[in-house]
């Protein structure tokens, strides 16, 4: 009987130690999750600000070289070559 009580006492002690270890791991995991959520929030905030600053810029003027314009210029040259002298 005494041996059974001793074994149960040892098992109880082991279980309490495991519970303590698991509690510490849970707390550490929760803290790490909190830090990751904060970093994600900061990243999203920074990203949103970056998009907002891009959208607040005035639109860029169109490029000066337009393929359609080049084509029409070529057509004008072709029209000039058909002139009778």
C-alpha atoms as a PDB file:
ATOM      1  CA  UNK A   1       0.000   0.000   0.000  1.00  0.00           C
ATOM      2  CA  UNK A   2       2.771   2.358   0.923  1.00  0.00           C
ATOM      3  CA  UNK A   3       4.458   1.637  -2.407  1.00  0.00           C
ATOM      4  CA  UNK A   4       1.250   2.502  -4.292  1.00  0.00           C
ATOM      5  CA  UNK A   5       0.966   5.834  -2.476  1.00  0.00           C
ATOM      6  CA  UNK A   6       4.603   6.592  -3.233  1.00  0.00           C
ATOM      7  CA  UNK A   7       4.108   5.797  -6.924  1.00  0.00           C
ATOM      8  CA  UNK A   8       0.969   7.951  -7.094  1.00  0.00           C
ATOM      9  CA  UNK A   9       2.755  10.772  -5.319  1.00  0.00           C
ATOM     10  CA  UNK A  10       5.642  10.592  -7.802  1.00  0.00           C
ATOM     11  CA  UNK A  11       3.205  10.498 -10.740  1.00  0.00           C
ATOM     12  CA  UNK A  12       1.344  13.492  -9.286  1.00  0.00           C
ATOM     13  CA  UNK A  13       4.601  15.409  -8.988  1.00  0.00           C
ATOM     14  CA  UNK A  14       5.551  14.553 -12.587  1.00  0.00           C
ATOM     15  CA  UNK A  15       2.131  15.630 -13.855  1.00  0.00           C
ATOM     16  CA  UNK A  16       2.371  18.932 -11.988  1.00  0.00           C
ATOM     17  CA  UNK A  17       5.790  19.587 -13.539  1.00  0.00           C
ATOM     18  CA  UNK A  18       4.433  18.781 -16.998  1.00  0.00           C
ATOM     19  CA  UNK A  19       1.471  21.069 -16.383  1.00  0.00           C
ATOM     20  CA  UNK A  20       3.829  23.870 -15.357  1.00  0.00           C
ATOM     21  CA  UNK A  21       5.988  23.319 -18.446  1.00  0.00           C
ATOM     22  CA  UNK A  22       2.943  23.272 -20.715  1.00  0.00           C
ATOM     23  CA  UNK A  23       1.596  26.435 -19.110  1.00  0.00           C
ATOM     24  CA  UNK A  24       4.911  28.191 -19.731  1.00  0.00           C
ATOM     25  CA  UNK A  25       4.951  27.002 -23.350  1.00  0.00           C
ATOM     26  CA  UNK A  26       1.392  28.248 -23.855  1.00  0.00           C
ATOM     27  CA  UNK A  27       2.263  31.663 -22.408  1.00  0.00           C
ATOM     28  CA  UNK A  28       5.373  31.911 -24.593  1.00  0.00           C
ATOM     29  CA  UNK A  29       3.370  30.901 -27.658  1.00  0.00           C
ATOM     30  CA  UNK A  30       0.676  33.471 -26.882  1.00  0.00           C
ATOM     31  CA  UNK A  31       3.306  36.194 -26.472  1.00  0.00           C
ATOM     32  CA  UNK A  32       4.955  35.224 -29.748  1.00  0.00           C
ATOM     33  CA  UNK A  33       1.564  35.270 -31.493  1.00  0.00           C
ATOM     34  CA  UNK A  34       0.867  38.712 -30.065  1.00  0.00           C
ATOM     35  CA  UNK A  35       4.207  39.996 -31.367  1.00  0.00           C
ATOM     36  CA  UNK A  36       3.601  38.507 -34.833  1.00  0.00           C
ATOM     37  CA  UNK A  37       0.114  40.062 -34.957  1.00  0.00           C
ATOM     38  CA  UNK A  38       1.616  43.439 -34.023  1.00  0.00           C
ATOM     39  CA  UNK A  39       4.284  43.128 -36.723  1.00  0.00           C
ATOM     40  CA  UNK A  40       1.626  42.165 -39.271  1.00  0.00           C
ATOM     41  CA  UNK A  41      -0.510  45.133 -38.226  1.00  0.00           C
ATOM     42  CA  UNK A  42       2.470  47.483 -38.611  1.00  0.00           C
ATOM     43  CA  UNK A  43       3.332  45.998 -42.004  1.00  0.00           C
ATOM     44  CA  UNK A  44      -0.239  46.357 -43.237  1.00  0.00           C
ATOM     45  CA  UNK A  45      -0.346  49.930 -41.938  1.00  0.00           C
ATOM     46  CA  UNK A  46       2.910  50.770 -43.726  1.00  0.00           C
ATOM     47  CA  UNK A  47       1.726  49.034 -46.902  1.00  0.00           C
ATOM     48  CA  UNK A  48      -1.595  50.902 -46.791  1.00  0.00           C
ATOM     49  CA  UNK A  49       0.210  54.213 -46.323  1.00  0.00           C
ATOM     50  CA  UNK A  50       2.437  53.372 -49.287  1.00  0.00           C
ATOM     51  CA  UNK A  51      -0.590  52.708 -51.479  1.00  0.00           C
ATOM     52  CA  UNK A  52      -2.284  55.867 -50.239  1.00  0.00           C
ATOM     53  CA  UNK A  53       0.749  57.992 -51.100  1.00  0.00           C
ATOM     54  CA  UNK A  54       0.900  56.468 -54.579  1.00  0.00           C
ATOM     55  CA  UNK A  55      -2.773  57.129 -55.232  1.00  0.00           C
ATOM     56  CA  UNK A  56      -2.455  60.748 -54.048  1.00  0.00           C
ATOM     57  CA  UNK A  57       0.188  61.532 -56.680  1.00  0.00           C
ATOM     58  CA  UNK A  58      -1.067  63.281 -59.822  1.00  0.00           C
ATOM     59  CA  UNK A  59      -1.447  61.044 -62.858  1.00  0.00           C
ATOM     60  CA  UNK A  60       1.612  60.737 -65.047  1.00  0.00           C
ATOM     61  CA  UNK A  61       1.454  62.392 -68.484  1.00  0.00           C
ATOM     62  CA  UNK A  62       1.295  59.978 -71.409  1.00  0.00           C
ATOM     63  CA  UNK A  63       4.595  59.133 -73.093  1.00  0.00           C
ATOM     64  CA  UNK A  64       5.671  61.488 -75.869  1.00  0.00           C
ATOM     65  CA  UNK A  65       6.354  58.670 -78.331  1.00  0.00           C
ATOM     66  CA  UNK A  66       3.067  57.071 -79.342  1.00  0.00           C
ATOM     67  CA  UNK A  67       3.080  54.205 -81.892  1.00  0.00           C
ATOM     68  CA  UNK A  68      -0.236  55.475 -83.337  1.00  0.00           C
ATOM     69  CA  UNK A  69       1.282  58.913 -83.903  1.00  0.00           C
ATOM     70  CA  UNK A  70       4.262  57.337 -85.630  1.00  0.00           C
ATOM     71  CA  UNK A  71       1.925  55.400 -87.924  1.00  0.00           C
ATOM     72  CA  UNK A  72      -0.028  58.520 -88.873  1.00  0.00           C
ATOM     73  CA  UNK A  73       3.235  60.356 -89.600  1.00  0.00           C
ATOM     74  CA  UNK A  74       4.223  57.540 -91.946  1.00  0.00           C
ATOM     75  CA  UNK A  75       0.860  57.810 -93.681  1.00  0.00           C
ATOM     76  CA  UNK A  76       1.382  61.518 -94.200  1.00  0.00           C
ATOM     77  CA  UNK A  77       4.717  60.801 -95.887  1.00  0.00           C
ATOM     78  CA  UNK A  78       3.016  58.258 -98.133  1.00  0.00           C
ATOM     79  CA  UNK A  79       0.395  60.848 -99.077  1.00  0.00           C
ATOM     80  CA  UNK A  80       3.142  63.305-100.064  1.00  0.00           C
ATOM     81  CA  UNK A  81       4.740  60.768-102.379  1.00  0.00           C
ATOM     82  CA  UNK A  82       1.535  60.560-104.436  1.00  0.00           C
ATOM     83  CA  UNK A  83       1.676  64.246-105.403  1.00  0.00           C
ATOM     84  CA  UNK A  84       2.098  64.844-109.164  1.00  0.00           C
ATOM     85  CA  UNK A  85       4.781  67.307-110.066  1.00  0.00           C
END
